[in-house]
Amino acid sequence: MLIRIGFDLTFELPNPVSLVMMLYTHPSRSNSLLVPEKIHSSPSLPIETFIDHFGNRCGRVAAPAGELRLWHEAVVRDSGLPDPIHLEAAQWEVSDLPAEVVPFLF
């Protein structure tokens, strides 16, 4: 099954700002993409990518004041099967979680 994914975001920035974006498909699914991902911007800006300590691909950009548009479109190959359901899994309140696991919620 082929699934089209993407976004089209527009921001009105009153001042220049540095942005860290978490808009890419997780690297574990990179082999599922029919073409490599590229985030486009208007105005055209260089977007530096990096992998954070959770394994997510992130982008960093220095945006000028004014309108900033970011967009992306890709096609993912997927089996179409639903994710497994684990009925024995419990849901915890965030306040009941041990402090060492809270960073994984970000």
N, C-alpha and C. Protein backbone atom coordinates (compact mmCIF):
# COMPACT_ATOMS: atom_id res chain seq x y z
N MET A 1 0.84 -1.16 0.00
CA MET A 1 0.00 0.00 0.00
C MET A 1 0.90 1.23 0.00
N LEU A 2 0.52 2.23 -0.81
CA LEU A 2 1.25 3.49 -0.85
C LEU A 2 0.42 4.55 -0.14
N ILE A 3 1.07 5.29 0.77
CA ILE A 3 0.40 6.33 1.54
C ILE A 3 1.11 7.65 1.30
N ARG A 4 0.36 8.66 0.88
CA ARG A 4 0.94 9.99 0.67
C ARG A 4 0.93 10.73 2.01
N ILE A 5 2.08 11.28 2.38
CA ILE A 5 2.20 12.02 3.63
C ILE A 5 2.74 13.41 3.32
N GLY A 6 2.55 14.33 4.24
CA GLY A 6 3.13 15.66 4.06
C GLY A 6 2.46 16.70 4.91
N PHE A 7 2.88 17.94 4.70
CA PHE A 7 2.33 19.08 5.43
C PHE A 7 2.60 20.34 4.63
N ASP A 8 1.89 21.40 4.99
CA ASP A 8 2.08 22.72 4.41
C ASP A 8 1.78 23.71 5.54
N LEU A 9 2.83 24.30 6.11
CA LEU A 9 2.70 25.16 7.27
C LEU A 9 3.15 26.57 6.92
N THR A 10 2.42 27.57 7.39
CA THR A 10 2.82 28.96 7.17
C THR A 10 2.80 29.67 8.51
N PHE A 11 3.88 30.41 8.77
CA PHE A 11 4.04 31.16 10.02
C PHE A 11 4.27 32.63 9.68
N GLU A 12 3.76 33.52 10.52
CA GLU A 12 4.07 34.94 10.42
C GLU A 12 5.00 35.24 11.60
N LEU A 13 6.27 35.50 11.30
CA LEU A 13 7.28 35.69 12.34
C LEU A 13 7.56 37.18 12.53
N PRO A 14 7.30 37.72 13.73
CA PRO A 14 7.52 39.15 13.96
C PRO A 14 9.01 39.51 14.03
N ASN A 15 9.85 38.53 14.34
CA ASN A 15 11.29 38.75 14.46
C ASN A 15 12.03 37.56 13.88
N PRO A 16 13.31 37.73 13.54
CA PRO A 16 14.10 36.56 13.12
C PRO A 16 14.13 35.55 14.27
N VAL A 17 14.14 34.26 13.91
CA VAL A 17 14.10 33.22 14.93
C VAL A 17 14.81 31.97 14.42
N SER A 18 15.44 31.25 15.33
CA SER A 18 16.00 29.94 15.00
C SER A 18 14.96 28.89 15.37
N LEU A 19 14.72 27.97 14.45
CA LEU A 19 13.71 26.93 14.66
C LEU A 19 14.37 25.56 14.66
N VAL A 20 13.94 24.70 15.56
CA VAL A 20 14.27 23.28 15.51
C VAL A 20 12.97 22.58 15.18
N MET A 21 12.99 21.82 14.08
CA MET A 21 11.77 21.21 13.56
C MET A 21 11.83 19.70 13.69
N MET A 22 10.77 19.12 14.19
CA MET A 22 10.65 17.66 14.25
C MET A 22 9.52 17.28 13.30
N LEU A 23 9.79 17.39 12.00
CA LEU A 23 8.78 17.20 10.97
C LEU A 23 9.10 16.05 10.03
N TYR A 24 10.23 15.41 10.20
CA TYR A 24 10.63 14.32 9.32
C TYR A 24 10.04 12.98 9.78
N THR A 25 9.90 12.06 8.85
CA THR A 25 9.54 10.69 9.18
C THR A 25 10.67 10.08 10.00
N HIS A 26 10.33 9.25 10.98
CA HIS A 26 11.37 8.64 11.82
C HIS A 26 12.33 7.83 10.95
N PRO A 27 13.64 7.92 11.23
CA PRO A 27 14.62 7.18 10.43
C PRO A 27 14.36 5.68 10.32
N SER A 28 13.66 5.09 11.29
CA SER A 28 13.35 3.66 11.21
C SER A 28 12.44 3.34 10.02
N ARG A 29 11.78 4.34 9.47
CA ARG A 29 10.90 4.16 8.31
C ARG A 29 11.52 4.69 7.02
N SER A 30 12.78 5.08 7.05
CA SER A 30 13.41 5.68 5.85
C SER A 30 13.42 4.73 4.66
N ASN A 31 13.54 3.43 4.90
CA ASN A 31 13.51 2.47 3.79
C ASN A 31 12.12 2.35 3.19
N SER A 32 11.09 2.84 3.88
CA SER A 32 9.72 2.80 3.38
C SER A 32 9.42 3.95 2.42
N LEU A 33 10.25 4.98 2.44
CA LEU A 33 10.01 6.16 1.60
C LEU A 33 10.42 5.87 0.17
N LEU A 34 9.58 6.25 -0.78
CA LEU A 34 9.92 6.01 -2.18
C LEU A 34 11.02 6.94 -2.67
N VAL A 35 11.10 8.15 -2.11
CA VAL A 35 12.19 9.08 -2.41
C VAL A 35 12.63 9.71 -1.09
N PRO A 36 13.89 10.14 -0.99
CA PRO A 36 14.34 10.77 0.26
C PRO A 36 13.52 12.03 0.58
N GLU A 37 13.33 12.27 1.86
CA GLU A 37 12.56 13.44 2.28
C GLU A 37 13.34 14.73 2.12
N LYS A 38 12.62 15.79 1.77
CA LYS A 38 13.20 17.13 1.71
C LYS A 38 12.12 18.11 2.13
N ILE A 39 12.42 18.91 3.14
CA ILE A 39 11.52 19.97 3.54
C ILE A 39 11.88 21.20 2.71
N HIS A 40 10.87 21.82 2.12
CA HIS A 40 11.06 23.02 1.32
C HIS A 40 10.64 24.23 2.14
N SER A 41 11.23 25.39 1.84
CA SER A 41 10.86 26.60 2.55
C SER A 41 10.75 27.77 1.57
N SER A 42 9.90 28.72 1.95
CA SER A 42 9.78 29.98 1.23
C SER A 42 9.71 31.07 2.28
N PRO A 43 10.71 31.96 2.32
CA PRO A 43 11.82 32.05 1.40
C PRO A 43 12.72 30.81 1.50
N SER A 44 13.47 30.57 0.45
CA SER A 44 14.37 29.41 0.41
C SER A 44 15.49 29.59 1.43
N LEU A 45 15.57 28.66 2.38
CA LEU A 45 16.56 28.74 3.46
C LEU A 45 17.28 27.40 3.58
N PRO A 46 18.56 27.42 3.96
CA PRO A 46 19.23 26.14 4.21
C PRO A 46 18.70 25.51 5.50
N ILE A 47 18.38 24.22 5.43
CA ILE A 47 17.88 23.49 6.59
C ILE A 47 18.91 22.43 6.93
N GLU A 48 19.52 22.57 8.10
CA GLU A 48 20.51 21.60 8.58
C GLU A 48 19.77 20.48 9.31
N THR A 49 20.11 19.23 9.01
CA THR A 49 19.45 18.11 9.68
C THR A 49 20.42 17.44 10.66
N PHE A 50 19.85 16.84 11.69
CA PHE A 50 20.61 16.10 12.68
C PHE A 50 19.70 15.07 13.33
N ILE A 51 20.29 14.11 14.00
CA ILE A 51 19.55 13.08 14.74
C ILE A 51 19.64 13.42 16.22
N ASP A 52 18.50 13.54 16.90
CA ASP A 52 18.53 13.84 18.33
C ASP A 52 18.82 12.58 19.15
N HIS A 53 18.92 12.72 20.45
CA HIS A 53 19.31 11.59 21.30
C HIS A 53 18.21 10.53 21.44
N PHE A 54 17.01 10.79 20.88
CA PHE A 54 15.96 9.78 20.84
C PHE A 54 15.89 9.09 19.49
N GLY A 55 16.79 9.46 18.56
CA GLY A 55 16.82 8.85 17.24
C GLY A 55 15.92 9.51 16.21
N ASN A 56 15.37 10.69 16.53
CA ASN A 56 14.52 11.41 15.59
C ASN A 56 15.36 12.28 14.66
N ARG A 57 14.98 12.34 13.40
CA ARG A 57 15.64 13.25 12.47
C ARG A 57 14.99 14.62 12.63
N CYS A 58 15.80 15.63 12.88
CA CYS A 58 15.32 16.98 13.13
C CYS A 58 15.94 17.93 12.11
N GLY A 59 15.34 19.09 11.96
CA GLY A 59 15.87 20.13 11.09
C GLY A 59 16.06 21.41 11.88
N ARG A 60 17.06 22.18 11.48
CA ARG A 60 17.33 23.46 12.13
C ARG A 60 17.45 24.53 11.05
N VAL A 61 16.79 25.66 11.27
CA VAL A 61 16.80 26.72 10.28
C VAL A 61 16.80 28.07 11.00
N ALA A 62 17.49 29.04 10.43
CA ALA A 62 17.46 30.42 10.91
C ALA A 62 16.50 31.18 10.00
N ALA A 63 15.34 31.53 10.53
CA ALA A 63 14.29 32.15 9.72
C ALA A 63 14.27 33.66 9.93
N PRO A 64 14.12 34.43 8.86
CA PRO A 64 14.01 35.88 9.00
C PRO A 64 12.60 36.27 9.44
N ALA A 65 12.44 37.51 9.85
CA ALA A 65 11.11 38.02 10.16
C ALA A 65 10.26 38.00 8.89
N GLY A 66 8.96 37.85 9.07
CA GLY A 66 8.04 37.83 7.94
C GLY A 66 7.38 36.48 7.80
N GLU A 67 6.82 36.24 6.62
CA GLU A 67 6.11 34.99 6.39
C GLU A 67 7.10 33.87 6.07
N LEU A 68 6.92 32.74 6.72
CA LEU A 68 7.74 31.55 6.48
C LEU A 68 6.78 30.41 6.15
N ARG A 69 7.01 29.79 5.01
CA ARG A 69 6.22 28.62 4.62
C ARG A 69 7.14 27.42 4.56
N LEU A 70 6.73 26.32 5.18
CA LEU A 70 7.44 25.05 5.15
C LEU A 70 6.51 24.00 4.59
N TRP A 71 7.00 23.20 3.63
CA TRP A 71 6.15 22.14 3.10
C TRP A 71 6.97 20.93 2.71
N HIS A 72 6.26 19.82 2.62
CA HIS A 72 6.89 18.53 2.36
C HIS A 72 5.82 17.58 1.86
N GLU A 73 6.19 16.74 0.94
CA GLU A 73 5.28 15.69 0.47
C GLU A 73 6.12 14.48 0.13
N ALA A 74 5.66 13.31 0.52
CA ALA A 74 6.38 12.06 0.24
C ALA A 74 5.36 10.93 0.14
N VAL A 75 5.85 9.80 -0.32
CA VAL A 75 5.03 8.59 -0.40
C VAL A 75 5.74 7.49 0.37
N VAL A 76 4.98 6.83 1.25
CA VAL A 76 5.51 5.76 2.10
C VAL A 76 4.89 4.44 1.65
N ARG A 77 5.71 3.42 1.55
CA ARG A 77 5.21 2.07 1.29
C ARG A 77 4.96 1.41 2.65
N ASP A 78 3.74 0.86 2.81
CA ASP A 78 3.36 0.27 4.09
C ASP A 78 2.53 -0.98 3.82
N SER A 79 2.60 -1.93 4.74
CA SER A 79 1.83 -3.17 4.57
C SER A 79 0.33 -2.92 4.65
N GLY A 80 -0.08 -1.84 5.30
CA GLY A 80 -1.50 -1.56 5.48
C GLY A 80 -2.11 -2.30 6.66
N LEU A 81 -1.32 -3.17 7.29
CA LEU A 81 -1.82 -3.91 8.45
C LEU A 81 -1.88 -2.99 9.66
N PRO A 82 -2.88 -3.14 10.52
CA PRO A 82 -2.94 -2.31 11.72
C PRO A 82 -1.80 -2.65 12.67
N ASP A 83 -1.45 -1.67 13.48
CA ASP A 83 -0.45 -1.91 14.53
C ASP A 83 -1.00 -2.95 15.50
N PRO A 84 -0.12 -3.77 16.07
CA PRO A 84 -0.61 -4.76 17.04
C PRO A 84 -1.23 -4.08 18.26
N ILE A 85 -2.24 -4.70 18.81
CA ILE A 85 -2.89 -4.20 20.02
C ILE A 85 -2.49 -5.10 21.17
N HIS A 86 -1.98 -4.49 22.23
CA HIS A 86 -1.57 -5.24 23.42
C HIS A 86 -2.58 -4.95 24.53
N LEU A 87 -3.56 -5.82 24.65
CA LEU A 87 -4.62 -5.60 25.62
C LEU A 87 -4.12 -5.60 27.06
N GLU A 88 -2.98 -6.24 27.30
CA GLU A 88 -2.44 -6.30 28.65
C GLU A 88 -1.69 -5.01 29.04
N ALA A 89 -1.48 -4.10 28.07
CA ALA A 89 -0.75 -2.86 28.35
C ALA A 89 -1.62 -1.95 29.23
N ALA A 90 -0.97 -1.31 30.18
CA ALA A 90 -1.68 -0.40 31.08
C ALA A 90 -1.40 1.04 30.69
N GLN A 91 -2.33 1.92 30.96
CA GLN A 91 -2.13 3.35 30.76
C GLN A 91 -1.88 3.99 32.11
N TRP A 92 -0.82 4.76 32.20
CA TRP A 92 -0.43 5.40 33.45
C TRP A 92 -0.66 6.90 33.36
N GLU A 93 -0.99 7.49 34.48
CA GLU A 93 -1.04 8.95 34.58
C GLU A 93 0.41 9.45 34.55
N VAL A 94 0.65 10.57 33.88
CA VAL A 94 2.00 11.13 33.81
C VAL A 94 2.55 11.37 35.21
N SER A 95 1.72 11.80 36.13
CA SER A 95 2.16 12.09 37.49
C SER A 95 2.62 10.83 38.23
N ASP A 96 2.22 9.64 37.76
CA ASP A 96 2.60 8.38 38.40
C ASP A 96 3.84 7.75 37.79
N LEU A 97 4.37 8.31 36.71
CA LEU A 97 5.54 7.74 36.05
C LEU A 97 6.81 8.06 36.82
N PRO A 98 7.78 7.16 36.80
CA PRO A 98 9.07 7.50 37.41
C PRO A 98 9.72 8.66 36.63
N ALA A 99 10.41 9.52 37.33
CA ALA A 99 11.01 10.72 36.72
C ALA A 99 11.93 10.38 35.55
N GLU A 100 12.63 9.24 35.62
CA GLU A 100 13.60 8.89 34.58
C GLU A 100 12.95 8.56 33.23
N VAL A 101 11.65 8.30 33.20
CA VAL A 101 11.00 7.99 31.93
C VAL A 101 10.30 9.21 31.32
N VAL A 102 10.11 10.28 32.08
CA VAL A 102 9.40 11.46 31.60
C VAL A 102 10.06 12.06 30.34
N PRO A 103 11.39 12.13 30.22
CA PRO A 103 11.98 12.70 29.00
C PRO A 103 11.55 11.98 27.72
N PHE A 104 11.15 10.72 27.81
CA PHE A 104 10.71 9.98 26.62
C PHE A 104 9.33 10.43 26.14
N LEU A 105 8.65 11.26 26.90
CA LEU A 105 7.35 11.78 26.49
C LEU A 105 7.49 13.03 25.62
N PHE A 106 8.68 13.63 25.59
CA PHE A 106 8.86 14.88 24.82
C PHE A 106 8.82 14.63 23.35
